[in-house]
Amino acid sequence: MIVYEATKGKFVSDVQQGIIADEIKKRFPGGVKHNEFLSWEHSLGQMGMVVEDKSIPDDAQVAIEFKIPLTAKRVDFMIAWTG
Protein backbone atom coordinates (compact mmCIF):
# COMPACT_ATOMS: atom_id res chain seq x y z
CA MET A 1 0.00 0.00 0.00
CA ILE A 2 1.21 3.48 -0.89
CA VAL A 3 -0.34 6.38 1.02
CA TYR A 4 0.61 9.13 -1.47
CA GLU A 5 1.56 8.73 -5.11
CA ALA A 6 2.00 11.48 -7.69
CA THR A 7 4.29 12.77 -10.40
CA LYS A 8 7.30 14.81 -9.37
CA GLY A 9 5.55 17.90 -10.72
CA LYS A 10 2.43 17.31 -8.59
CA PHE A 11 4.52 16.47 -5.50
CA VAL A 12 6.59 19.66 -5.85
CA SER A 13 3.38 21.65 -6.34
CA ASP A 14 1.83 20.12 -3.19
CA VAL A 15 5.00 20.97 -1.24
CA GLN A 16 5.10 24.55 -2.54
CA GLN A 17 1.41 25.05 -1.68
CA GLY A 18 2.08 23.75 1.85
CA ILE A 19 -0.48 20.95 1.56
CA ILE A 20 1.71 17.83 1.26
CA ALA A 21 1.34 16.75 4.92
CA ASP A 22 -2.43 17.31 4.74
CA GLU A 23 -2.67 15.25 1.55
CA ILE A 24 -0.88 12.34 3.24
CA LYS A 25 -2.91 12.67 6.44
CA LYS A 26 -6.17 12.44 4.43
CA ARG A 27 -5.08 9.11 2.96
CA PHE A 28 -3.30 7.62 5.98
CA PRO A 29 -5.23 4.71 7.50
CA GLY A 30 -5.83 4.73 11.24
CA GLY A 31 -5.00 8.35 11.99
CA VAL A 32 -1.76 10.24 12.41
CA LYS A 33 0.11 11.43 15.48
CA HIS A 34 0.91 15.15 15.59
CA ASN A 35 4.68 14.53 15.67
CA GLU A 36 4.48 12.40 12.53
CA PHE A 37 2.49 15.14 10.77
CA LEU A 38 5.13 17.74 11.73
CA SER A 39 7.85 15.39 10.51
CA TRP A 40 6.16 15.15 7.10
CA GLU A 41 5.85 18.93 6.87
CA HIS A 42 9.56 19.39 7.52
CA SER A 43 11.15 16.42 5.76
CA LEU A 44 8.93 16.49 2.68
CA GLY A 45 9.58 20.19 2.27
CA GLN A 46 13.26 19.29 2.12
CA MET A 47 12.59 16.45 -0.35
CA GLY A 48 10.62 18.87 -2.51
CA MET A 49 13.76 20.97 -2.88
CA VAL A 50 15.85 17.87 -3.67
CA VAL A 51 13.58 16.55 -6.43
CA GLU A 52 13.30 19.97 -8.09
CA ASP A 53 16.62 19.03 -9.70
CA LYS A 54 16.17 19.46 -13.48
CA SER A 55 17.82 16.08 -14.13
CA ILE A 56 14.73 14.41 -12.63
CA PRO A 57 11.89 14.55 -15.16
CA ASP A 58 8.55 16.09 -14.13
CA ASP A 59 6.77 12.82 -14.92
CA ALA A 60 8.94 10.80 -12.50
CA GLN A 61 6.77 9.05 -9.91
CA VAL A 62 6.96 9.88 -6.20
CA ALA A 63 5.57 7.48 -3.60
CA ILE A 64 5.36 8.22 0.13
CA GLU A 65 4.74 5.87 3.05
CA PHE A 66 4.91 2.55 1.19
CA LYS A 67 3.95 -0.27 3.56
CA ILE A 68 6.26 -3.23 3.11
CA PRO A 69 4.08 -6.33 2.73
CA LEU A 70 4.01 -8.81 5.64
CA THR A 71 5.69 -6.31 7.99
CA ALA A 72 4.75 -3.26 10.03
CA LYS A 73 7.54 -1.27 8.34
CA ARG A 74 7.19 1.54 5.81
CA VAL A 75 9.47 3.14 3.24
CA ASP A 76 9.20 6.91 3.73
CA PHE A 77 9.99 8.16 0.23
CA MET A 78 10.58 6.61 -3.18
CA ILE A 79 11.12 8.12 -6.61
CA ALA A 80 11.20 6.22 -9.88
CA TRP A 81 11.48 6.99 -13.56
CA THR A 82 12.69 5.40 -16.73
CA GLY A 83 15.52 7.24 -18.30
C-alpha atoms as a PDB file:
ATOM      1  CA  MET A   1       0.000   0.000   0.000  1.00  0.00           C
ATOM      2  CA  ILE A   2       1.208   3.479  -0.889  1.00  0.00           C
ATOM      3  CA  VAL A   3      -0.341   6.381   1.024  1.00  0.00           C
ATOM      4  CA  TYR A   4       0.606   9.128  -1.469  1.00  0.00           C
ATOM      5  CA  GLU A   5       1.564   8.732  -5.110  1.00  0.00           C
ATOM      6  CA  ALA A   6       2.001  11.479  -7.694  1.00  0.00           C
ATOM      7  CA  THR A   7       4.286  12.772 -10.396  1.00  0.00           C
ATOM      8  CA  LYS A   8       7.299  14.812  -9.374  1.00  0.00           C
ATOM      9  CA  GLY A   9       5.546  17.897 -10.719  1.00  0.00           C
ATOM     10  CA  LYS A  10       2.432  17.311  -8.591  1.00  0.00           C
ATOM     11  CA  PHE A  11       4.519  16.472  -5.503  1.00  0.00           C
ATOM     12  CA  VAL A  12       6.591  19.664  -5.854  1.00  0.00           C
ATOM     13  CA  SER A  13       3.380  21.649  -6.339  1.00  0.00           C
ATOM     14  CA  ASP A  14       1.832  20.123  -3.188  1.00  0.00           C
ATOM     15  CA  VAL A  15       5.004  20.972  -1.241  1.00  0.00           C
ATOM     16  CA  GLN A  16       5.102  24.555  -2.537  1.00  0.00           C
ATOM     17  CA  GLN A  17       1.408  25.049  -1.678  1.00  0.00           C
ATOM     18  CA  GLY A  18       2.084  23.749   1.854  1.00  0.00           C
ATOM     19  CA  ILE A  19      -0.478  20.946   1.556  1.00  0.00           C
ATOM     20  CA  ILE A  20       1.706  17.830   1.261  1.00  0.00           C
ATOM     21  CA  ALA A  21       1.339  16.754   4.917  1.00  0.00           C
ATOM     22  CA  ASP A  22      -2.432  17.314   4.740  1.00  0.00           C
ATOM     23  CA  GLU A  23      -2.669  15.246   1.548  1.00  0.00           C
ATOM     24  CA  ILE A  24      -0.876  12.343   3.240  1.00  0.00           C
ATOM     25  CA  LYS A  25      -2.907  12.674   6.435  1.00  0.00           C
ATOM     26  CA  LYS A  26      -6.171  12.438   4.435  1.00  0.00           C
ATOM     27  CA  ARG A  27      -5.076   9.111   2.962  1.00  0.00           C
ATOM     28  CA  PHE A  28      -3.295   7.622   5.977  1.00  0.00           C
ATOM     29  CA  PRO A  29      -5.229   4.712   7.499  1.00  0.00           C
ATOM     30  CA  GLY A  30      -5.828   4.732  11.243  1.00  0.00           C
ATOM     31  CA  GLY A  31      -4.998   8.351  11.995  1.00  0.00           C
ATOM     32  CA  VAL A  32      -1.758  10.244  12.409  1.00  0.00           C
ATOM     33  CA  LYS A  33       0.107  11.435  15.481  1.00  0.00           C
ATOM     34  CA  HIS A  34       0.911  15.151  15.585  1.00  0.00           C
ATOM     35  CA  ASN A  35       4.681  14.528  15.667  1.00  0.00           C
ATOM     36  CA  GLU A  36       4.481  12.402  12.526  1.00  0.00           C
ATOM     37  CA  PHE A  37       2.493  15.140  10.769  1.00  0.00           C
ATOM     38  CA  LEU A  38       5.129  17.738  11.733  1.00  0.00           C
ATOM     39  CA  SER A  39       7.851  15.395  10.514  1.00  0.00           C
ATOM     40  CA  TRP A  40       6.159  15.152   7.096  1.00  0.00           C
ATOM     41  CA  GLU A  41       5.848  18.928   6.873  1.00  0.00           C
ATOM     42  CA  HIS A  42       9.556  19.387   7.521  1.00  0.00           C
ATOM     43  CA  SER A  43      11.150  16.417   5.757  1.00  0.00           C
ATOM     44  CA  LEU A  44       8.932  16.488   2.677  1.00  0.00           C
ATOM     45  CA  GLY A  45       9.577  20.188   2.273  1.00  0.00           C
ATOM     46  CA  GLN A  46      13.263  19.292   2.118  1.00  0.00           C
ATOM     47  CA  MET A  47      12.592  16.448  -0.347  1.00  0.00           C
ATOM     48  CA  GLY A  48      10.622  18.869  -2.514  1.00  0.00           C
ATOM     49  CA  MET A  49      13.760  20.965  -2.876  1.00  0.00           C
ATOM     50  CA  VAL A  50      15.846  17.872  -3.668  1.00  0.00           C
ATOM     51  CA  VAL A  51      13.576  16.549  -6.426  1.00  0.00           C
ATOM     52  CA  GLU A  52      13.299  19.973  -8.090  1.00  0.00           C
ATOM     53  CA  ASP A  53      16.619  19.028  -9.702  1.00  0.00           C
ATOM     54  CA  LYS A  54      16.175  19.455 -13.477  1.00  0.00           C
ATOM     55  CA  SER A  55      17.825  16.080 -14.131  1.00  0.00           C
ATOM     56  CA  ILE A  56      14.727  14.408 -12.628  1.00  0.00           C
ATOM     57  CA  PRO A  57      11.891  14.553 -15.165  1.00  0.00           C
ATOM     58  CA  ASP A  58       8.550  16.090 -14.126  1.00  0.00           C
ATOM     59  CA  ASP A  59       6.766  12.817 -14.919  1.00  0.00           C
ATOM     60  CA  ALA A  60       8.937  10.796 -12.503  1.00  0.00           C
ATOM     61  CA  GLN A  61       6.771   9.046  -9.906  1.00  0.00           C
ATOM     62  CA  VAL A  62       6.959   9.875  -6.202  1.00  0.00           C
ATOM     63  CA  ALA A  63       5.574   7.480  -3.595  1.00  0.00           C
ATOM     64  CA  ILE A  64       5.356   8.219   0.129  1.00  0.00           C
ATOM     65  CA  GLU A  65       4.736   5.866   3.049  1.00  0.00           C
ATOM     66  CA  PHE A  66       4.912   2.555   1.187  1.00  0.00           C
ATOM     67  CA  LYS A  67       3.953  -0.267   3.561  1.00  0.00           C
ATOM     68  CA  ILE A  68       6.258  -3.227   3.105  1.00  0.00           C
ATOM     69  CA  PRO A  69       4.076  -6.326   2.726  1.00  0.00           C
ATOM     70  CA  LEU A  70       4.010  -8.809   5.635  1.00  0.00           C
ATOM     71  CA  THR A  71       5.686  -6.313   7.993  1.00  0.00           C
ATOM     72  CA  ALA A  72       4.752  -3.261  10.032  1.00  0.00           C
ATOM     73  CA  LYS A  73       7.537  -1.274   8.341  1.00  0.00           C
ATOM     74  CA  ARG A  74       7.189   1.545   5.813  1.00  0.00           C
ATOM     75  CA  VAL A  75       9.471   3.144   3.244  1.00  0.00           C
ATOM     76  CA  ASP A  76       9.203   6.906   3.732  1.00  0.00           C
ATOM     77  CA  PHE A  77       9.993   8.163   0.228  1.00  0.00           C
ATOM     78  CA  MET A  78      10.580   6.615  -3.184  1.00  0.00           C
ATOM     79  CA  ILE A  79      11.118   8.124  -6.610  1.00  0.00           C
ATOM     80  CA  ALA A  80      11.200   6.215  -9.881  1.00  0.00           C
ATOM     81  CA  TRP A  81      11.475   6.992 -13.560  1.00  0.00           C
ATOM     82  CA  THR A  82      12.686   5.401 -16.731  1.00  0.00           C
ATOM     83  CA  GLY A  83      15.516   7.244 -18.300  1.00  0.00           C
END
